[in-house]
Amino acid sequence: MRHKNKSVTHSASAALGLLLLCFHIASVAADKVPSITPNGGLTDAEAHYIRQRQLLYYRDEFGGRGENVTVDPSLIFENLRLRDAYVALQAWKQAILSDPYNLTVDWVGSDVCNYTGVFCAPALDNPKILTVAGIDLNHGDIAAYLPEELGLLADLALFHINSNRFCGTVPQKFRRLKMLYELDLSNNRFAGKFPRVVLTLPSLKFLDLRFNEFEGTVPKELFDKDLDAVFINNNRFHFDIPDNFGNSPVSVIVLANNKFHGCVPSSLVNMTNLNEIILMNNGLQSCLSADIGRLVNVTVFDVSYNRLVGPLPESIGGMVSLEQLNVAHNYLSGKIPESICRLPKLENFTFSYNFFTGEPPVCLGLEAFNDRRNCLPGRPTQRSAAQSVTTILHSTFFSAVCLLSSIPTTGLLSPSSVLSPSASLLSTTAAAASLFTSSTTTASLFTSSTTTISSTPVSTPTIPGSTRLLSTSTIPASTIIITATTIIITATTIPNAITANLLHKAPTTSSA
């Protein structure tokens, strides 16, 4: 009992110390309140101040905050839900530091249904009473944070506050918004980890967190949730796309401009509801699945500015709904399948800044296409022969790795493994050979029934995320065998530094 009392006393002292610290911070903040600019972007100092002010309202470890809203006894409300809405909106108004367009200036009195940006409708569980069903303050340029009292809006279905200057975090009491269908927090200054509270919202279908400052990992549970649209682009998320990515029933998903890495999950082909997917400008390193053509409903497919390798799968020619296809700024190689350029709805095909060596004439007739900075004979603005030769050889090697990773195996490959390469891989190798015959090089390439890559032992990079590794400890550099083609490469042909770094170096936009 004596030990227990001592523990309680210690906890009480710690809590008192924390409370005094909060009072100290509050007093300092009060003395150093920055003047919030009436419009335009927030400075870092202003954003920091708003986040700090939000933190000062925490009451306990459960995330409770309060704006000390008092309700005038003379105010009359039609029902208790509208009274709760009044408390929530008044707390929010107190949290606003700048409202340049005076959108909340009329947030006065008990008639909350006439507040600007607030929309009421009959309650779903009781159509005889009105309740707040939607909030739309888009493009208001408001500088503020979100108070916990917003959790009182239990019937809220739409919450749109994009293009403002909201900072801080998403309140934990948003979990009470069981009717919330659309949540748009885009183009603000929200920060911190992914707001997991959104995963608890049973009715949510539309989630838009883009253009904020969220960071860290994205919980894999997001892709098991029954959503229709997910926008988390232009944040600071940094993680591997999980294997359950293909479980998502979304029709639109945009993950662009984050810091992802690893492979494009093969489960992507299971997303049968998908219409638009944009994965551009991340660190994705892999091949595109040979079954990608199963995405027959996709109209927009953008994987540009990544580190994808290997050929374009022939099955893309089965994506009959495709209108926009962008694979630019990768390490893709081989020939463009003619079936892609014959897709009935294809309007724009961009494959610039890769290492393609063949382009069907039908592609030149597309309404909009871009084939710059490839290795296409006879086409303008292509890469130099030297760069094409070196990188095609590497791309050919990684195409083989892609091929290896598609073969079911429980362990490392044995030295006697014999592969059957795809036509795209063979055409890539043949193109490399034709380039070599017209270039001065230390390597010789020729056609034969087998392929032997012989050189001094070098470290062999792997596709991140693959469970099958190629290493000189299991396959000597002199005994990689691929049927139908022969390549003999000396150690000077593929510098070790390039081999080791190819998958760890982003494509550039240089004119080389």
Protein backbone atom coordinates (compact mmCIF):
# COMPACT_ATOMS: atom_id res chain seq x y z
CA MET A 1 0.00 0.00 0.00
CA ARG A 2 2.86 2.37 0.83
CA HIS A 3 4.41 1.68 -2.62
CA LYS A 4 1.08 2.37 -4.32
CA ASN A 5 0.64 5.72 -2.53
CA LYS A 6 4.16 6.71 -3.56
CA SER A 7 3.33 5.90 -7.19
CA VAL A 8 0.13 7.95 -7.04
CA THR A 9 1.98 10.89 -5.51
CA HIS A 10 4.62 10.70 -8.21
CA SER A 11 1.93 10.67 -10.95
CA ALA A 12 0.18 13.65 -9.39
CA SER A 13 3.45 15.58 -9.25
CA ALA A 14 4.17 14.79 -12.88
CA ALA A 15 0.69 15.92 -13.92
CA LEU A 16 1.07 19.18 -11.94
CA GLY A 17 4.45 19.79 -13.58
CA LEU A 18 2.95 19.24 -17.02
CA LEU A 19 0.09 21.61 -16.22
CA LEU A 20 2.50 24.33 -15.11
CA LEU A 21 4.52 23.83 -18.27
CA CYS A 22 1.36 24.27 -20.37
CA PHE A 23 0.52 27.48 -18.52
CA HIS A 24 4.05 28.71 -19.15
CA ILE A 25 3.81 27.93 -22.85
CA ALA A 26 0.41 29.60 -23.02
CA SER A 27 1.72 32.76 -21.40
CA VAL A 28 4.70 32.86 -23.75
CA ALA A 29 2.44 32.27 -26.75
CA ALA A 30 0.15 35.06 -25.63
CA ASP A 31 3.09 37.44 -25.58
CA LYS A 32 4.30 36.36 -29.02
CA VAL A 33 1.11 36.06 -31.08
CA PRO A 34 2.07 36.63 -34.71
CA SER A 35 -0.17 38.78 -36.84
CA ILE A 36 -1.88 36.38 -39.26
CA THR A 37 -1.75 37.66 -42.81
CA PRO A 38 -5.27 38.37 -44.13
CA ASN A 39 -4.88 36.18 -47.21
CA GLY A 40 -2.36 34.07 -49.09
CA GLY A 41 -0.19 31.32 -47.66
CA LEU A 42 0.82 31.07 -44.03
CA THR A 43 4.39 31.59 -42.99
CA ASP A 44 6.01 28.73 -41.06
CA ALA A 45 5.82 30.84 -37.91
CA GLU A 46 2.08 31.39 -38.35
CA ALA A 47 1.44 27.71 -38.99
CA HIS A 48 3.50 26.78 -35.93
CA TYR A 49 1.52 29.19 -33.78
CA ILE A 50 -1.83 27.76 -34.90
CA ARG A 51 -0.67 24.20 -34.21
CA GLN A 52 0.62 25.25 -30.79
CA ARG A 53 -2.68 26.91 -29.97
CA GLN A 54 -4.53 23.73 -30.89
CA LEU A 55 -2.30 21.69 -28.57
CA LEU A 56 -2.94 24.05 -25.66
CA TYR A 57 -6.61 23.07 -25.64
CA TYR A 58 -5.94 19.41 -24.85
CA ARG A 59 -7.49 18.49 -21.52
CA ASP A 60 -6.43 14.87 -21.13
CA GLU A 61 -4.72 11.96 -22.82
CA PHE A 62 -7.92 11.08 -24.66
CA GLY A 63 -7.67 14.13 -26.88
CA GLY A 64 -10.44 16.20 -25.31
CA ARG A 65 -10.25 19.90 -25.98
CA GLY A 66 -12.65 22.68 -25.20
CA GLU A 67 -13.20 26.21 -26.39
CA ASN A 68 -15.32 27.03 -23.32
CA VAL A 69 -18.42 27.80 -25.35
CA THR A 70 -21.31 29.03 -23.27
CA VAL A 71 -24.86 29.03 -24.59
CA ASP A 72 -26.99 32.10 -23.87
CA PRO A 73 -30.12 30.88 -22.02
CA SER A 74 -32.23 33.25 -24.11
CA LEU A 75 -31.41 31.42 -27.34
CA ILE A 76 -34.11 29.09 -28.63
CA PHE A 77 -33.28 25.98 -30.71
CA GLU A 78 -35.69 23.81 -32.68
CA ASN A 79 -34.08 20.65 -31.33
CA LEU A 80 -31.09 19.46 -29.33
CA ARG A 81 -29.10 18.57 -32.47
CA LEU A 82 -29.17 22.16 -33.64
CA ARG A 83 -28.09 23.24 -30.17
CA ASP A 84 -25.12 20.87 -30.40
CA ALA A 85 -24.36 22.30 -33.83
CA TYR A 86 -24.35 25.80 -32.34
CA VAL A 87 -21.77 24.74 -29.73
CA ALA A 88 -19.60 23.09 -32.39
CA LEU A 89 -19.69 26.05 -34.78
CA GLN A 90 -19.08 28.63 -32.06
CA ALA A 91 -16.06 26.64 -30.85
CA TRP A 92 -14.80 26.55 -34.44
CA LYS A 93 -15.32 30.28 -34.80
CA GLN A 94 -13.20 30.86 -31.70
CA ALA A 95 -10.43 28.76 -33.27
CA ILE A 96 -10.32 30.99 -36.38
CA LEU A 97 -7.46 33.48 -36.44
CA SER A 98 -8.09 34.95 -39.89
CA ASP A 99 -11.21 35.02 -42.06
CA PRO A 100 -10.40 37.45 -44.89
CA TYR A 101 -13.69 36.94 -46.75
CA ASN A 102 -15.81 37.17 -43.57
CA LEU A 103 -17.46 33.84 -44.23
CA THR A 104 -18.13 33.29 -40.55
CA VAL A 105 -19.14 36.82 -39.65
CA ASP A 106 -22.82 35.78 -39.69
CA TRP A 107 -22.24 32.79 -37.43
CA VAL A 108 -24.31 34.46 -34.72
CA GLY A 109 -27.49 33.35 -33.00
CA SER A 110 -29.41 30.10 -32.86
CA ASP A 111 -30.39 29.84 -36.54
CA VAL A 112 -27.35 27.77 -37.51
CA CYS A 113 -29.01 26.62 -40.75
CA ASN A 114 -28.58 30.16 -42.10
CA TYR A 115 -24.87 30.36 -41.30
CA THR A 116 -22.72 30.82 -44.41
CA GLY A 117 -21.34 27.48 -45.56
CA VAL A 118 -23.65 25.45 -43.32
CA PHE A 119 -26.37 23.30 -44.85
CA CYS A 120 -29.27 21.61 -43.05
CA ALA A 121 -31.51 18.73 -44.04
CA PRO A 122 -34.05 16.43 -42.39
CA ALA A 123 -32.35 13.87 -40.15
CA LEU A 124 -32.20 10.40 -41.66
CA ASP A 125 -33.42 8.75 -38.48
CA ASN A 126 -36.15 11.37 -37.89
CA PRO A 127 -37.24 13.33 -41.00
CA LYS A 128 -39.41 15.59 -38.87
CA ILE A 129 -36.41 17.48 -37.49
CA LEU A 130 -33.67 19.50 -39.18
CA THR A 131 -30.01 18.87 -38.53
CA VAL A 132 -26.69 20.11 -39.92
CA ALA A 133 -25.86 17.78 -42.82
CA GLY A 134 -23.08 19.61 -44.63
CA ILE A 135 -20.33 22.21 -44.29
CA ASP A 136 -18.64 23.80 -47.28
CA LEU A 137 -16.00 26.47 -46.67
CA ASN A 138 -13.94 25.69 -49.76
CA HIS A 139 -11.59 28.44 -50.98
CA GLY A 140 -12.25 30.54 -47.89
CA ASP A 141 -8.57 31.24 -47.12
CA ILE A 142 -9.41 30.80 -43.43
CA ALA A 143 -6.51 30.38 -40.98
CA ALA A 144 -7.56 28.17 -38.09
CA TYR A 145 -7.55 24.67 -36.66
CA LEU A 146 -10.30 22.12 -36.08
CA PRO A 147 -11.64 21.93 -32.51
CA GLU A 148 -12.84 18.68 -30.95
CA GLU A 149 -16.36 20.10 -30.62
CA LEU A 150 -16.89 19.40 -34.32
CA GLY A 151 -17.55 15.85 -33.18
CA LEU A 152 -20.95 17.11 -31.99
CA LEU A 153 -22.11 17.31 -35.62
CA ALA A 154 -23.31 13.72 -35.49
CA ASP A 155 -25.42 13.95 -38.69
CA LEU A 156 -22.74 15.56 -40.83
CA ALA A 157 -22.46 13.92 -44.26
CA LEU A 158 -20.25 16.41 -46.12
CA PHE A 159 -17.25 18.27 -44.72
CA HIS A 160 -15.43 20.34 -47.35
CA ILE A 161 -12.75 22.84 -46.32
CA ASN A 162 -10.27 22.66 -49.19
CA SER A 163 -8.03 25.59 -50.13
CA ASN A 164 -7.80 27.26 -46.77
CA ARG A 165 -5.05 27.66 -44.19
CA PHE A 166 -6.11 25.12 -41.60
CA CYS A 167 -3.27 23.69 -39.52
CA GLY A 168 -2.76 21.14 -36.80
CA THR A 169 -4.29 17.68 -36.70
CA VAL A 170 -7.64 16.04 -37.37
CA PRO A 171 -9.65 15.84 -34.10
CA GLN A 172 -10.04 12.40 -32.56
CA LYS A 173 -13.71 13.11 -31.91
CA PHE A 174 -14.33 12.99 -35.63
CA ARG A 175 -14.91 9.30 -34.88
CA ARG A 176 -18.42 10.33 -33.80
CA LEU A 177 -19.28 11.43 -37.33
CA LYS A 178 -20.91 8.13 -38.26
CA MET A 179 -22.78 9.66 -41.21
CA LEU A 180 -19.77 11.36 -42.82
CA TYR A 181 -19.69 10.45 -46.52
CA GLU A 182 -17.23 12.98 -47.98
CA LEU A 183 -14.19 14.41 -46.19
CA ASP A 184 -12.15 17.00 -48.10
CA LEU A 185 -9.22 18.53 -46.18
CA SER A 186 -7.09 19.18 -49.25
CA ASN A 187 -4.81 22.14 -49.88
CA ASN A 188 -4.26 23.18 -46.28
CA ARG A 189 -1.39 22.92 -43.76
CA PHE A 190 -2.46 19.86 -41.76
CA ALA A 191 0.52 17.95 -40.41
CA GLY A 192 1.53 14.90 -38.44
CA LYS A 193 0.88 11.23 -39.09
CA PHE A 194 -1.86 9.86 -41.28
CA PRO A 195 -5.17 10.69 -39.50
CA ARG A 196 -6.18 7.17 -38.54
CA VAL A 197 -9.47 8.47 -37.17
CA VAL A 198 -10.79 8.49 -40.75
CA LEU A 199 -10.52 4.69 -40.79
CA THR A 200 -13.20 4.54 -38.08
CA LEU A 201 -15.83 6.37 -40.16
CA PRO A 202 -18.27 3.69 -41.35
CA SER A 203 -20.02 5.75 -44.06
CA LEU A 204 -16.95 7.41 -45.59
CA LYS A 205 -16.61 7.00 -49.38
CA PHE A 206 -14.59 10.06 -50.48
CA LEU A 207 -11.28 10.91 -48.77
CA ASP A 208 -9.18 13.85 -49.94
CA LEU A 209 -6.01 14.68 -47.96
CA ARG A 210 -3.87 15.94 -50.85
CA PHE A 211 -1.61 19.00 -50.68
CA ASN A 212 -0.98 18.94 -46.93
CA GLU A 213 2.02 18.10 -44.76
CA PHE A 214 1.08 14.66 -43.48
CA GLU A 215 4.05 12.34 -43.12
CA GLY A 216 5.12 8.85 -42.14
CA THR A 217 3.46 5.64 -43.23
CA VAL A 218 -0.02 5.08 -44.59
CA PRO A 219 -1.88 2.33 -42.69
CA LYS A 220 -2.58 -0.69 -44.87
CA GLU A 221 -6.12 -0.72 -43.47
CA LEU A 222 -6.86 2.19 -45.80
CA PHE A 223 -6.87 -0.21 -48.74
CA ASP A 224 -9.31 -2.59 -47.04
CA LYS A 225 -11.80 0.19 -46.41
CA ASP A 226 -14.88 0.48 -48.62
CA LEU A 227 -13.98 3.78 -50.29
CA ASP A 228 -14.75 5.07 -53.76
CA ALA A 229 -12.09 7.80 -54.08
CA VAL A 230 -8.75 8.31 -52.31
CA PHE A 231 -6.51 11.34 -52.82
CA ILE A 232 -3.39 11.46 -50.64
CA ASN A 233 -1.00 12.96 -53.18
CA ASN A 234 1.43 15.80 -52.44
CA ASN A 235 2.16 15.00 -48.84
CA ARG A 236 5.28 13.53 -47.20
CA PHE A 237 4.19 9.92 -46.85
CA HIS A 238 7.09 7.47 -46.96
CA PHE A 239 6.33 3.75 -47.14
CA ASP A 240 6.06 0.64 -49.28
CA ILE A 241 2.71 0.19 -50.97
CA PRO A 242 1.33 -2.89 -49.16
CA ASP A 243 0.33 -6.15 -50.81
CA ASN A 244 -3.34 -5.61 -49.95
CA PHE A 245 -3.39 -2.53 -52.20
CA GLY A 246 -5.46 -4.51 -54.70
CA ASN A 247 -8.21 -5.07 -52.11
CA SER A 248 -9.34 -1.47 -52.45
CA PRO A 249 -12.69 -1.06 -54.25
CA VAL A 250 -11.93 2.54 -55.28
CA SER A 251 -12.72 3.92 -58.70
CA VAL A 252 -10.12 6.70 -58.36
CA ILE A 253 -6.86 6.67 -56.39
CA VAL A 254 -4.07 9.26 -56.53
CA LEU A 255 -0.86 8.66 -54.55
CA ALA A 256 1.42 10.96 -56.59
CA ASN A 257 4.25 13.13 -55.29
CA ASN A 258 5.03 11.37 -52.05
CA LYS A 259 8.07 9.32 -51.05
CA PHE A 260 6.93 5.79 -51.67
CA HIS A 261 9.38 3.05 -52.52
CA GLY A 262 9.41 -0.63 -53.28
CA CYS A 263 7.36 -2.36 -55.96
CA VAL A 264 4.09 -1.77 -57.71
CA PRO A 265 2.03 -4.49 -56.02
CA SER A 266 0.93 -7.30 -58.31
CA SER A 267 -2.45 -7.15 -56.57
CA LEU A 268 -3.11 -3.94 -58.51
CA VAL A 269 -4.66 -6.04 -61.27
CA ASN A 270 -7.45 -7.09 -58.87
CA MET A 271 -8.88 -3.55 -58.69
CA THR A 272 -11.79 -4.22 -61.03
CA ASN A 273 -13.67 -1.01 -60.13
CA LEU A 274 -10.69 1.19 -60.97
CA ASN A 275 -11.15 4.06 -63.44
CA GLU A 276 -8.18 6.31 -62.68
CA ILE A 277 -4.86 5.62 -60.97
CA ILE A 278 -1.96 8.07 -60.64
CA LEU A 279 1.27 6.87 -58.99
CA MET A 280 3.62 9.41 -60.54
CA ASN A 281 6.76 10.80 -58.90
CA ASN A 282 7.39 8.26 -56.20
CA GLY A 283 10.26 5.84 -55.69
CA LEU A 284 8.54 2.79 -57.16
CA GLN A 285 11.01 0.17 -58.39
CA SER A 286 9.70 -2.86 -60.26
CA CYS A 287 8.24 -4.09 -63.50
CA LEU A 288 4.62 -3.70 -64.52
CA SER A 289 2.64 -6.89 -64.04
CA ALA A 290 2.09 -8.93 -67.19
CA ASP A 291 -1.58 -9.11 -66.17
CA ILE A 292 -2.05 -5.33 -66.06
CA GLY A 293 -4.43 -5.66 -69.00
CA ARG A 294 -7.10 -6.96 -66.63
CA LEU A 295 -7.81 -3.34 -65.71
CA VAL A 296 -10.31 -2.98 -68.54
CA ASN A 297 -12.19 -0.06 -66.94
CA VAL A 298 -9.18 2.20 -66.38
CA THR A 299 -9.24 5.47 -68.33
CA VAL A 300 -6.18 7.16 -66.77
CA PHE A 301 -2.98 5.25 -65.92
CA ASP A 302 0.02 7.33 -64.84
CA VAL A 303 3.20 5.80 -63.42
CA SER A 304 5.60 8.46 -64.70
CA TYR A 305 8.69 9.69 -62.81
CA ASN A 306 9.47 6.42 -61.06
CA ARG A 307 12.16 3.74 -61.52
CA LEU A 308 10.18 1.12 -63.38
CA VAL A 309 12.15 -1.32 -65.52
CA GLY A 310 11.50 -3.95 -68.15
CA PRO A 311 9.16 -3.86 -71.15
CA LEU A 312 5.63 -2.53 -71.45
CA PRO A 313 3.39 -5.58 -71.08
CA GLU A 314 1.58 -6.61 -74.24
CA SER A 315 -1.59 -6.96 -72.17
CA ILE A 316 -1.93 -3.17 -71.91
CA GLY A 317 -3.42 -3.50 -75.37
CA GLY A 318 -6.44 -5.06 -73.66
CA MET A 319 -7.16 -1.98 -71.53
CA VAL A 320 -9.92 -0.94 -73.91
CA SER A 321 -11.13 2.03 -71.83
CA LEU A 322 -7.70 3.69 -71.63
CA GLU A 323 -7.61 7.37 -72.64
CA GLN A 324 -4.47 8.69 -70.94
CA LEU A 325 -1.30 6.56 -70.58
CA ASN A 326 1.85 8.08 -69.09
CA VAL A 327 4.95 5.98 -68.40
CA ALA A 328 7.52 8.76 -68.95
CA HIS A 329 10.75 9.16 -66.94
CA ASN A 330 11.42 5.53 -66.05
CA TYR A 331 13.88 2.85 -67.17
CA LEU A 332 11.47 0.99 -69.43
CA SER A 333 12.89 -0.65 -72.55
CA GLY A 334 12.09 -2.93 -75.47
CA LYS A 335 9.54 -2.30 -78.19
CA ILE A 336 6.22 -0.51 -77.74
CA PRO A 337 3.50 -3.11 -78.36
CA GLU A 338 1.48 -2.10 -81.42
CA SER A 339 -1.75 -3.10 -79.68
CA ILE A 340 -1.32 -0.22 -77.21
CA CYS A 341 -1.34 2.40 -79.95
CA ARG A 342 -4.45 0.76 -81.47
CA LEU A 343 -6.53 1.15 -78.30
CA PRO A 344 -9.87 2.63 -79.42
CA LYS A 345 -10.09 5.44 -76.85
CA LEU A 346 -6.41 6.31 -76.38
CA GLU A 347 -5.90 10.06 -76.71
CA ASN A 348 -2.54 10.70 -75.08
CA PHE A 349 0.41 8.30 -74.82
CA THR A 350 3.56 9.68 -73.19
CA PHE A 351 6.62 7.43 -72.95
CA SER A 352 9.47 9.96 -73.16
CA TYR A 353 12.69 9.62 -71.14
CA ASN A 354 12.89 5.84 -71.21
CA PHE A 355 15.01 3.42 -73.27
CA PHE A 356 12.54 2.04 -75.79
CA THR A 357 14.12 0.78 -78.99
CA GLY A 358 11.07 0.11 -81.15
CA GLU A 359 7.99 2.16 -81.96
CA PRO A 360 5.22 0.93 -84.30
CA PRO A 361 4.27 3.43 -87.05
CA VAL A 362 0.68 3.44 -85.80
CA CYS A 363 1.85 5.26 -82.64
CA LEU A 364 2.89 8.26 -84.75
CA GLY A 365 -0.74 8.74 -85.73
CA LEU A 366 -2.01 9.24 -82.17
CA GLU A 367 -3.65 12.56 -81.39
CA ALA A 368 -1.03 13.29 -78.71
CA PHE A 369 2.10 11.34 -77.88
CA ASN A 370 5.65 12.03 -76.71
CA ASP A 371 8.58 9.71 -77.54
CA ARG A 372 11.51 12.05 -76.81
CA ARG A 373 14.70 10.80 -75.14
CA ASN A 374 14.43 7.13 -75.97
CA CYS A 375 16.60 5.00 -78.26
CA LEU A 376 14.33 5.02 -81.31
CA PRO A 377 16.13 4.89 -84.66
CA GLY A 378 15.16 7.69 -87.03
CA ARG A 379 13.18 9.67 -84.46
CA PRO A 380 14.24 13.20 -83.39
CA THR A 381 15.57 14.16 -79.96
CA GLN A 382 16.69 10.69 -78.87
CA ARG A 383 19.40 9.61 -76.45
CA SER A 384 22.99 9.23 -77.61
CA ALA A 385 24.07 5.80 -78.88
CA ALA A 386 26.55 5.40 -76.03
CA GLN A 387 23.97 6.04 -73.34
CA SER A 388 21.43 3.84 -75.08
CA VAL A 389 23.84 0.90 -75.32
CA THR A 390 24.90 1.04 -71.68
CA THR A 391 21.42 1.43 -70.25
CA ILE A 392 19.70 -1.00 -72.60
CA LEU A 393 22.08 -3.70 -71.36
CA HIS A 394 21.15 -2.87 -67.80
CA SER A 395 17.45 -2.70 -68.66
CA THR A 396 17.78 -6.09 -70.37
CA PHE A 397 19.34 -7.51 -67.22
CA PHE A 398 16.53 -6.14 -65.05
CA SER A 399 13.96 -7.40 -67.52
CA ALA A 400 15.44 -10.82 -66.83
CA VAL A 401 15.12 -10.15 -63.11
CA CYS A 402 11.45 -9.24 -63.64
CA LEU A 403 11.07 -12.50 -65.50
CA LEU A 404 12.75 -14.37 -62.67
CA SER A 405 10.50 -12.78 -60.07
CA SER A 406 7.42 -14.05 -61.92
CA ILE A 407 8.56 -17.68 -61.68
CA PRO A 408 7.20 -19.43 -58.56
CA THR A 409 10.03 -20.68 -56.40
CA THR A 410 10.62 -21.20 -52.73
CA GLY A 411 14.31 -20.39 -52.67
CA LEU A 412 17.26 -19.09 -54.59
CA LEU A 413 17.78 -20.13 -58.18
CA SER A 414 20.35 -22.79 -58.89
CA PRO A 415 23.20 -22.22 -61.36
CA SER A 416 21.52 -24.56 -63.85
CA SER A 417 18.26 -22.58 -64.00
CA VAL A 418 17.00 -22.24 -67.57
CA LEU A 419 14.53 -19.48 -68.43
CA SER A 420 12.25 -18.85 -71.38
CA PRO A 421 12.37 -15.10 -72.02
CA SER A 422 9.49 -13.13 -73.40
CA ALA A 423 9.48 -11.74 -76.92
CA SER A 424 9.89 -8.22 -75.50
CA LEU A 425 13.01 -9.27 -73.61
CA LEU A 426 14.49 -10.90 -76.71
CA SER A 427 13.71 -7.85 -78.83
CA THR A 428 15.43 -5.64 -76.26
CA THR A 429 18.51 -7.86 -76.38
CA ALA A 430 18.50 -7.87 -80.17
CA ALA A 431 18.23 -4.08 -80.22
CA ALA A 432 21.19 -3.84 -77.88
CA ALA A 433 23.10 -6.13 -80.20
CA SER A 434 22.36 -4.02 -83.26
CA LEU A 435 23.50 -0.91 -81.43
CA PHE A 436 26.71 -2.65 -80.40
CA THR A 437 27.55 -3.64 -83.97
CA SER A 438 27.59 0.04 -84.92
CA SER A 439 29.43 1.28 -81.86
CA THR A 440 32.95 0.97 -80.53
CA THR A 441 32.77 -1.18 -77.44
CA THR A 442 34.60 -3.93 -75.63
CA ALA A 443 31.58 -6.22 -75.70
CA SER A 444 30.42 -8.53 -78.45
CA LEU A 445 26.85 -9.71 -78.96
CA PHE A 446 25.55 -12.37 -81.27
CA THR A 447 22.58 -14.67 -81.73
CA SER A 448 22.72 -18.26 -80.55
CA SER A 449 20.71 -20.91 -78.75
CA THR A 450 21.89 -19.84 -75.31
CA THR A 451 22.93 -16.68 -73.52
CA THR A 452 26.04 -16.52 -71.39
CA ILE A 453 26.97 -13.41 -69.46
CA SER A 454 30.64 -13.75 -68.65
CA SER A 455 32.66 -11.25 -66.68
CA THR A 456 34.65 -11.03 -63.54
CA PRO A 457 32.43 -11.49 -60.47
CA VAL A 458 30.31 -8.41 -59.79
CA SER A 459 27.59 -7.70 -57.24
CA THR A 460 24.16 -8.20 -58.75
CA PRO A 461 21.43 -5.77 -57.63
CA THR A 462 17.94 -7.03 -56.94
CA ILE A 463 14.49 -5.66 -57.42
CA PRO A 464 13.48 -4.43 -53.94
CA GLY A 465 10.63 -6.48 -52.51
CA SER A 466 11.52 -9.62 -54.47
CA THR A 467 11.91 -12.80 -52.48
CA ARG A 468 14.29 -14.26 -55.07
CA LEU A 469 17.80 -12.88 -54.97
CA LEU A 470 20.48 -13.10 -57.62
CA SER A 471 23.93 -13.15 -56.15
CA THR A 472 27.35 -14.35 -57.15
CA SER A 473 27.25 -16.73 -54.22
CA THR A 474 24.46 -18.78 -55.84
CA ILE A 475 24.88 -18.00 -59.56
CA PRO A 476 28.43 -17.29 -60.80
CA ALA A 477 28.62 -14.32 -63.12
CA SER A 478 29.68 -16.69 -65.88
CA THR A 479 26.64 -18.98 -65.71
CA ILE A 480 23.43 -17.02 -66.16
CA ILE A 481 21.61 -18.89 -68.96
CA ILE A 482 18.75 -17.56 -71.05
CA THR A 483 17.57 -19.54 -74.06
CA ALA A 484 17.49 -18.17 -77.62
CA THR A 485 20.01 -15.32 -77.32
CA THR A 486 23.67 -14.92 -76.44
CA ILE A 487 25.34 -11.91 -74.85
CA ILE A 488 29.01 -11.87 -73.92
CA ILE A 489 29.83 -8.88 -71.75
CA THR A 490 33.23 -8.08 -70.34
CA ALA A 491 33.72 -6.44 -66.99
CA THR A 492 34.40 -3.09 -68.65
CA THR A 493 31.06 -3.08 -70.42
CA ILE A 494 28.92 -2.70 -67.32
CA PRO A 495 30.73 -0.64 -64.71
CA ASN A 496 30.09 -1.94 -61.24
CA ALA A 497 28.98 1.47 -60.00
CA ILE A 498 26.24 1.69 -62.63
CA THR A 499 25.12 -1.88 -61.96
CA ALA A 500 24.93 -1.28 -58.23
CA ASN A 501 23.15 2.05 -58.47
CA LEU A 502 20.74 1.68 -61.36
CA LEU A 503 17.74 0.97 -59.17
CA HIS A 504 18.74 3.58 -56.62
CA LYS A 505 19.13 6.54 -58.92
CA ALA A 506 16.17 8.53 -60.20
CA PRO A 507 15.85 9.18 -63.93
CA THR A 508 17.02 12.64 -64.92
CA THR A 509 15.73 15.07 -67.48
CA SER A 510 19.16 15.80 -68.89
CA SER A 511 19.62 15.92 -72.63
CA ALA A 512 22.06 12.99 -72.55
